[in-house]
Amino acid sequence: MGFFTENEKQFLLQQPLGRLATTGKSGLPHVIPTGFRLDPEHEVIKIGGHSFQGRERLYIRHLRVNPQAAFVVDDLVTEPTWTPRGVTVKGDVRIHESGGEVLGPGFGPRWIELIPNWVNSWGIDADPYASAAPRKRTSANQ
């Protein structure tokens, strides 16, 4: 079995938007919404961004200092009862300087790869209000 459950994979494959959290030298967190793609074969999250001119994006500067991030993808199953579901992924990040254009229209060449070492979900395989039971990657299951 892989790191993500089959239901988590299906959820992530259907979602276009998530939130990336990073921290830099100051330790202050920074969160941005961004497009992403799950690579179900390698079980990594591929995150791209629009090709902006000028200064390097803050999340990239953060990742150069601290190459770890958290990523959340969530939605509401039903309204107005507000039944939430989602996945949180934490892990190491690799910055790639080319190939990001394939992740979405208007995306630039730079993209990042989030390699999970911690995953938790709610409302997908269990009750959305159940206690968290995150899965951590160990050397035995890498």
Protein backbone atom coordinates (compact mmCIF):
# COMPACT_ATOMS: atom_id res chain seq x y z
CA MET A 1 0.00 0.00 0.00
CA GLY A 2 1.16 3.53 -0.75
CA PHE A 3 1.33 6.49 1.56
CA PHE A 4 -2.04 7.92 0.42
CA THR A 5 -5.24 5.89 0.62
CA GLU A 6 -7.09 5.30 -2.65
CA ASN A 7 -9.87 7.66 -1.49
CA GLU A 8 -7.33 10.39 -0.70
CA LYS A 9 -5.78 9.98 -4.15
CA GLN A 10 -9.18 10.26 -5.83
CA PHE A 11 -9.99 13.36 -3.79
CA LEU A 12 -6.67 15.03 -4.63
CA LEU A 13 -6.99 14.17 -8.34
CA GLN A 14 -10.35 16.00 -8.45
CA GLN A 15 -9.21 19.20 -6.73
CA PRO A 16 -7.58 22.15 -8.57
CA LEU A 17 -6.51 24.33 -5.64
CA GLY A 18 -4.64 23.96 -2.35
CA ARG A 19 -2.81 26.11 0.18
CA LEU A 20 0.96 25.98 0.59
CA ALA A 21 2.52 26.97 3.93
CA THR A 22 6.22 27.81 4.24
CA THR A 23 8.55 29.47 6.73
CA GLY A 24 11.83 31.27 6.15
CA LYS A 25 14.64 32.63 8.32
CA SER A 26 12.27 34.66 10.49
CA GLY A 27 10.14 31.63 11.35
CA LEU A 28 6.98 33.55 10.41
CA PRO A 29 4.60 31.37 8.40
CA HIS A 30 3.43 32.31 4.92
CA VAL A 31 0.42 30.69 3.20
CA ILE A 32 -0.62 31.01 -0.43
CA PRO A 33 -3.34 29.41 -2.55
CA THR A 34 -1.90 27.59 -5.55
CA GLY A 35 -2.68 25.09 -8.25
CA PHE A 36 -1.25 21.59 -7.92
CA ARG A 37 -1.29 18.10 -9.33
CA LEU A 38 -0.98 14.80 -7.48
CA ASP A 39 1.44 12.38 -9.12
CA PRO A 40 -0.30 9.17 -8.02
CA GLU A 41 2.48 6.91 -9.25
CA HIS A 42 5.24 8.57 -7.22
CA GLU A 43 2.89 9.89 -4.51
CA VAL A 44 4.21 13.45 -4.61
CA ILE A 45 2.43 16.78 -4.90
CA LYS A 46 3.55 18.97 -7.82
CA ILE A 47 2.94 22.68 -7.23
CA GLY A 48 3.30 25.34 -9.88
CA GLY A 49 2.86 29.06 -10.09
CA HIS A 50 2.25 31.72 -12.66
CA SER A 51 5.24 33.10 -14.45
CA PHE A 52 5.70 36.48 -12.76
CA GLN A 53 8.37 38.98 -13.77
CA GLY A 54 10.63 40.54 -11.19
CA ARG A 55 11.49 39.40 -7.69
CA GLU A 56 11.46 35.71 -6.77
CA ARG A 57 8.24 34.64 -5.02
CA LEU A 58 8.34 34.62 -1.20
CA TYR A 59 7.48 30.92 -0.92
CA ILE A 60 10.45 30.06 -3.15
CA ARG A 61 12.75 32.23 -1.05
CA HIS A 62 11.42 30.49 2.07
CA LEU A 63 11.96 27.04 0.56
CA ARG A 64 15.56 27.88 -0.33
CA VAL A 65 16.16 28.51 3.40
CA ASN A 66 13.87 25.81 4.82
CA PRO A 67 12.99 23.12 2.23
CA GLN A 68 9.97 21.85 4.15
CA ALA A 69 6.32 22.77 3.68
CA ALA A 70 2.76 21.92 4.58
CA PHE A 71 -0.03 21.71 2.01
CA VAL A 72 -3.80 21.57 2.60
CA VAL A 73 -6.53 20.70 0.11
CA ASP A 74 -10.10 20.86 1.36
CA ASP A 75 -13.70 21.50 0.39
CA LEU A 76 -17.24 21.10 1.69
CA VAL A 77 -19.19 17.98 0.80
CA THR A 78 -22.56 19.58 1.47
CA GLU A 79 -23.91 22.98 2.27
CA PRO A 80 -25.49 24.34 4.43
CA THR A 81 -24.47 21.62 6.91
CA TRP A 82 -20.79 22.39 6.32
CA THR A 83 -19.48 18.84 6.18
CA PRO A 84 -15.76 19.34 5.58
CA ARG A 85 -13.26 17.00 3.98
CA GLY A 86 -9.62 17.42 3.13
CA VAL A 87 -6.02 16.28 3.22
CA THR A 88 -2.99 17.82 4.94
CA VAL A 89 0.45 16.87 3.65
CA LYS A 90 3.78 17.82 5.22
CA GLY A 91 7.21 17.03 3.87
CA ASP A 92 10.42 17.92 2.14
CA VAL A 93 10.41 20.05 -0.99
CA ARG A 94 12.55 20.04 -4.12
CA ILE A 95 12.61 23.13 -6.35
CA HIS A 96 12.71 22.42 -10.10
CA GLU A 97 13.67 25.19 -12.53
CA SER A 98 11.97 23.77 -15.64
CA GLY A 99 8.90 21.81 -16.67
CA GLY A 100 6.25 23.62 -14.61
CA GLU A 101 4.32 24.75 -17.67
CA VAL A 102 2.68 21.31 -17.89
CA LEU A 103 0.95 21.86 -14.52
CA GLY A 104 -1.53 24.43 -15.80
CA PRO A 105 -2.30 27.25 -18.21
CA GLY A 106 -0.15 30.31 -17.55
CA PHE A 107 2.20 28.48 -15.20
CA GLY A 108 5.89 29.27 -15.42
CA PRO A 109 8.78 26.84 -15.74
CA ARG A 110 9.62 26.72 -12.00
CA TRP A 111 7.72 24.20 -9.89
CA ILE A 112 8.13 22.46 -6.58
CA GLU A 113 7.76 18.85 -5.60
CA LEU A 114 6.41 18.08 -2.12
CA ILE A 115 7.52 14.64 -0.93
CA PRO A 116 5.17 13.61 1.87
CA ASN A 117 6.45 12.37 5.21
CA TRP A 118 3.21 13.13 7.10
CA VAL A 119 -0.40 12.84 5.86
CA ASN A 120 -3.73 13.33 7.58
CA SER A 121 -7.23 13.50 6.13
CA TRP A 122 -10.73 14.12 7.40
CA GLY A 123 -14.11 13.35 5.89
CA ILE A 124 -12.54 11.09 3.25
CA ASP A 125 -11.86 7.74 4.93
CA ALA A 126 -13.38 8.66 8.30
CA ASP A 127 -15.83 10.96 10.03
CA PRO A 128 -14.88 14.61 9.38
CA TYR A 129 -14.92 15.32 13.11
CA ALA A 130 -13.02 12.21 14.29
CA SER A 131 -9.70 12.54 16.09
CA ALA A 132 -6.76 12.92 13.75
CA ALA A 133 -4.73 9.83 12.96
CA PRO A 134 -1.87 11.10 10.78
CA ARG A 135 0.41 8.69 8.99
CA LYS A 136 4.14 9.34 9.16
CA ARG A 137 6.62 7.97 6.68
CA THR A 138 9.38 5.99 8.33
CA SER A 139 12.51 4.49 6.83
CA ALA A 140 10.64 1.16 6.67
CA ASN A 141 7.96 2.51 4.30
CA GLN A 142 9.98 4.94 2.16
